[in-house]
C-alpha atoms as a PDB file:
ATOM      1  CA  MET A   1       0.000   0.000   0.000  1.00  0.00           C
ATOM      2  CA  GLU A   2       2.827   2.412   0.856  1.00  0.00           C
ATOM      3  CA  PHE A   3       4.353   1.676  -2.520  1.00  0.00           C
ATOM      4  CA  LEU A   4       1.151   2.784  -4.299  1.00  0.00           C
ATOM      5  CA  ILE A   5       1.053   6.006  -2.296  1.00  0.00           C
ATOM      6  CA  ILE A   6       4.668   6.755  -3.201  1.00  0.00           C
ATOM      7  CA  ILE A   7       3.945   6.102  -6.884  1.00  0.00           C
ATOM      8  CA  ALA A   8       0.902   8.415  -6.757  1.00  0.00           C
ATOM      9  CA  VAL A   9       2.931  11.183  -5.090  1.00  0.00           C
ATOM     10  CA  VAL A  10       5.705  10.896  -7.687  1.00  0.00           C
ATOM     11  CA  ILE A  11       3.217  11.062 -10.560  1.00  0.00           C
ATOM     12  CA  LEU A  12       1.440  14.081  -9.079  1.00  0.00           C
ATOM     13  CA  ALA A  13       4.715  15.854  -8.306  1.00  0.00           C
ATOM     14  CA  SER A  14       6.011  15.355 -11.850  1.00  0.00           C
ATOM     15  CA  PHE A  15       2.761  16.722 -13.266  1.00  0.00           C
ATOM     16  CA  PHE A  16       2.909  19.860 -11.109  1.00  0.00           C
ATOM     17  CA  LEU A  17       6.611  20.434 -11.741  1.00  0.00           C
ATOM     18  CA  LYS A  18       6.072  20.200 -15.483  1.00  0.00           C
ATOM     19  CA  ARG A  19       3.586  23.074 -15.522  1.00  0.00           C
ATOM     20  CA  SER A  20       4.020  26.372 -13.695  1.00  0.00           C
ATOM     21  CA  GLY A  21       0.330  27.088 -13.943  1.00  0.00           C
ATOM     22  CA  LYS A  22      -2.486  26.702 -16.407  1.00  0.00           C
ATOM     23  CA  GLY A  23      -1.342  28.065 -19.738  1.00  0.00           C
ATOM     24  CA  VAL A  24       2.321  28.208 -18.692  1.00  0.00           C
ATOM     25  CA  THR A  25       4.794  25.601 -19.880  1.00  0.00           C
ATOM     26  CA  THR A  26       8.042  24.881 -18.076  1.00  0.00           C
ATOM     27  CA  ILE A  27      11.040  24.428 -20.341  1.00  0.00           C
ATOM     28  CA  ASN A  28      14.727  23.799 -19.759  1.00  0.00           C
ATOM     29  CA  PRO A  29      17.547  26.122 -20.878  1.00  0.00           C
ATOM     30  CA  GLU A  30      18.299  24.027 -23.979  1.00  0.00           C
ATOM     31  CA  GLN A  31      14.683  24.347 -25.154  1.00  0.00           C
ATOM     32  CA  ALA A  32      14.841  28.122 -24.611  1.00  0.00           C
ATOM     33  CA  LYS A  33      18.118  28.418 -26.537  1.00  0.00           C
ATOM     34  CA  ALA A  34      16.603  26.446 -29.423  1.00  0.00           C
ATOM     35  CA  LYS A  35      14.140  29.329 -29.915  1.00  0.00           C
ATOM     36  CA  PHE A  36      16.850  32.000 -30.289  1.00  0.00           C
ATOM     37  CA  GLY A  37      16.511  33.627 -33.692  1.00  0.00           C
ATOM     38  CA  ASP A  38      12.779  32.902 -33.982  1.00  0.00           C
ATOM     39  CA  ARG A  39      11.097  36.244 -34.697  1.00  0.00           C
ATOM     40  CA  ASN A  40       7.822  34.982 -33.191  1.00  0.00           C
ATOM     41  CA  VAL A  41       9.399  34.547 -29.760  1.00  0.00           C
ATOM     42  CA  GLN A  42      10.248  37.220 -27.205  1.00  0.00           C
ATOM     43  CA  PHE A  43      12.618  36.686 -24.288  1.00  0.00           C
ATOM     44  CA  ILE A  44      12.107  38.425 -20.932  1.00  0.00           C
ATOM     45  CA  ASP A  45      14.447  38.469 -17.915  1.00  0.00           C
ATOM     46  CA  VAL A  46      12.563  39.538 -14.772  1.00  0.00           C
ATOM     47  CA  ARG A  47      15.567  39.912 -12.464  1.00  0.00           C
ATOM     48  CA  THR A  48      16.514  43.319 -11.064  1.00  0.00           C
ATOM     49  CA  GLN A  49      18.563  45.653 -13.239  1.00  0.00           C
ATOM     50  CA  ALA A  50      21.625  45.053 -11.042  1.00  0.00           C
ATOM     51  CA  GLU A  51      21.304  41.263 -11.404  1.00  0.00           C
ATOM     52  CA  TYR A  52      20.810  41.618 -15.144  1.00  0.00           C
ATOM     53  CA  LYS A  53      23.884  43.850 -15.576  1.00  0.00           C
ATOM     54  CA  GLY A  54      25.993  41.394 -13.595  1.00  0.00           C
ATOM     55  CA  ASN A  55      25.098  38.366 -15.724  1.00  0.00           C
ATOM     56  CA  LYS A  56      22.911  38.684 -18.787  1.00  0.00           C
ATOM     57  CA  VAL A  57      21.967  36.672 -21.812  1.00  0.00           C
ATOM     58  CA  LYS A  58      21.810  39.138 -24.713  1.00  0.00           C
ATOM     59  CA  GLU A  59      18.622  37.692 -26.221  1.00  0.00           C
ATOM     60  CA  PHE A  60      16.652  38.469 -23.055  1.00  0.00           C
ATOM     61  CA  LYS A  61      15.177  41.931 -22.484  1.00  0.00           C
ATOM     62  CA  ASN A  62      15.348  43.070 -18.861  1.00  0.00           C
ATOM     63  CA  MET A  63      11.926  43.814 -17.414  1.00  0.00           C
ATOM     64  CA  PRO A  64      12.107  43.456 -13.601  1.00  0.00           C
ATOM     65  CA  LEU A  65       9.181  41.650 -12.007  1.00  0.00           C
ATOM     66  CA  ASP A  66       8.131  44.709  -9.996  1.00  0.00           C
ATOM     67  CA  GLN A  67       7.767  46.699 -13.255  1.00  0.00           C
ATOM     68  CA  LEU A  68       6.247  43.963 -15.387  1.00  0.00           C
ATOM     69  CA  GLY A  69       2.597  44.799 -14.770  1.00  0.00           C
ATOM     70  CA  LYS A  70       3.108  48.349 -16.050  1.00  0.00           C
ATOM     71  CA  ARG A  71       5.511  47.461 -18.859  1.00  0.00           C
ATOM     72  CA  ALA A  72       3.710  44.421 -20.285  1.00  0.00           C
ATOM     73  CA  LYS A  73       2.223  46.641 -23.003  1.00  0.00           C
ATOM     74  CA  GLU A  74       5.764  46.897 -24.449  1.00  0.00           C
ATOM     75  CA  LEU A  75       5.437  43.214 -25.335  1.00  0.00           C
ATOM     76  CA  ASP A  76       3.388  41.438 -27.989  1.00  0.00           C
ATOM     77  CA  SER A  77       0.815  39.239 -26.254  1.00  0.00           C
ATOM     78  CA  ASN A  78       0.433  37.157 -29.429  1.00  0.00           C
ATOM     79  CA  LYS A  79       4.075  36.036 -29.500  1.00  0.00           C
ATOM     80  CA  GLU A  80       5.530  33.138 -27.571  1.00  0.00           C
ATOM     81  CA  THR A  81       7.095  34.613 -24.441  1.00  0.00           C
ATOM     82  CA  ILE A  82       9.981  32.936 -22.653  1.00  0.00           C
ATOM     83  CA  VAL A  83      10.589  34.231 -19.140  1.00  0.00           C
ATOM     84  CA  ILE A  84      13.692  33.725 -17.005  1.00  0.00           C
ATOM     85  CA  CYS A  85      15.018  34.848 -13.615  1.00  0.00           C
ATOM     86  CA  GLN A  86      17.779  33.542 -11.367  1.00  0.00           C
ATOM     87  CA  SER A  87      16.075  30.378 -10.102  1.00  0.00           C
ATOM     88  CA  GLY A  88      12.676  30.105 -11.804  1.00  0.00           C
ATOM     89  CA  MET A  89      10.547  31.441  -8.946  1.00  0.00           C
ATOM     90  CA  ARG A  90      10.142  35.068 -10.054  1.00  0.00           C
ATOM     91  CA  SER A  91       9.713  34.030 -13.660  1.00  0.00           C
ATOM     92  CA  SER A  92       6.888  31.740 -12.574  1.00  0.00           C
ATOM     93  CA  ARG A  93       5.164  34.700 -10.894  1.00  0.00           C
ATOM     94  CA  ALA A  94       5.866  36.831 -13.974  1.00  0.00           C
ATOM     95  CA  CYS A  95       4.154  34.250 -16.182  1.00  0.00           C
ATOM     96  CA  LYS A  96       1.071  34.485 -13.975  1.00  0.00           C
ATOM     97  CA  VAL A  97       1.079  38.288 -14.319  1.00  0.00           C
ATOM     98  CA  LEU A  98       1.373  38.020 -18.103  1.00  0.00           C
ATOM     99  CA  LYS A  99      -1.305  35.322 -18.256  1.00  0.00           C
ATOM    100  CA  GLN A 100      -3.702  37.669 -16.457  1.00  0.00           C
ATOM    101  CA  GLN A 101      -2.943  40.292 -19.103  1.00  0.00           C
ATOM    102  CA  GLY A 102      -3.945  38.006 -21.948  1.00  0.00           C
ATOM    103  CA  PHE A 103      -0.656  36.391 -22.986  1.00  0.00           C
ATOM    104  CA  LYS A 104      -1.293  32.911 -24.330  1.00  0.00           C
ATOM    105  CA  SER A 105       2.028  31.183 -25.067  1.00  0.00           C
ATOM    106  CA  LEU A 106       4.127  31.503 -21.926  1.00  0.00           C
ATOM    107  CA  TYR A 107       7.245  29.529 -21.080  1.00  0.00           C
ATOM    108  CA  ASN A 108       9.073  29.560 -17.750  1.00  0.00           C
ATOM    109  CA  VAL A 109      12.726  28.479 -17.815  1.00  0.00           C
ATOM    110  CA  ARG A 110      13.091  25.802 -15.127  1.00  0.00           C
ATOM    111  CA  GLY A 111      15.946  26.585 -12.741  1.00  0.00           C
ATOM    112  CA  GLY A 112      16.526  30.000 -14.322  1.00  0.00           C
ATOM    113  CA  LEU A 113      20.057  31.217 -14.852  1.00  0.00           C
ATOM    114  CA  ASN A 114      21.226  28.876 -12.098  1.00  0.00           C
ATOM    115  CA  THR A 115      20.918  26.074 -14.662  1.00  0.00           C
ATOM    116  CA  TRP A 116      21.961  28.090 -17.735  1.00  0.00           C
ATOM    117  CA  LYS A 117      25.168  26.855 -19.388  1.00  0.00           C
END
């Protein structure tokens, strides 16, 4: 019986880890990099300006999480939007903010820049 409970927990955990929220897909850094050069994809880094200046990926536009709600109109809600932060937590919250503003294709980079190579 314990074995079945463990299996159920593992299955549920993998399902929830795979999705950051309804309408948000979690991807790994390699999947994000594969979209570089695609004109239908926009890349957003929601870390602070200081964090961004210290370690940035040139394809990502810096739009700190605390400014995102006001600045979302600078983005195209019809494009795929890939969001990154340092660990994946702020980018997950950012995806929720963008989802509420009508963005449809949202991707959160799992592990953020901590897993970027």
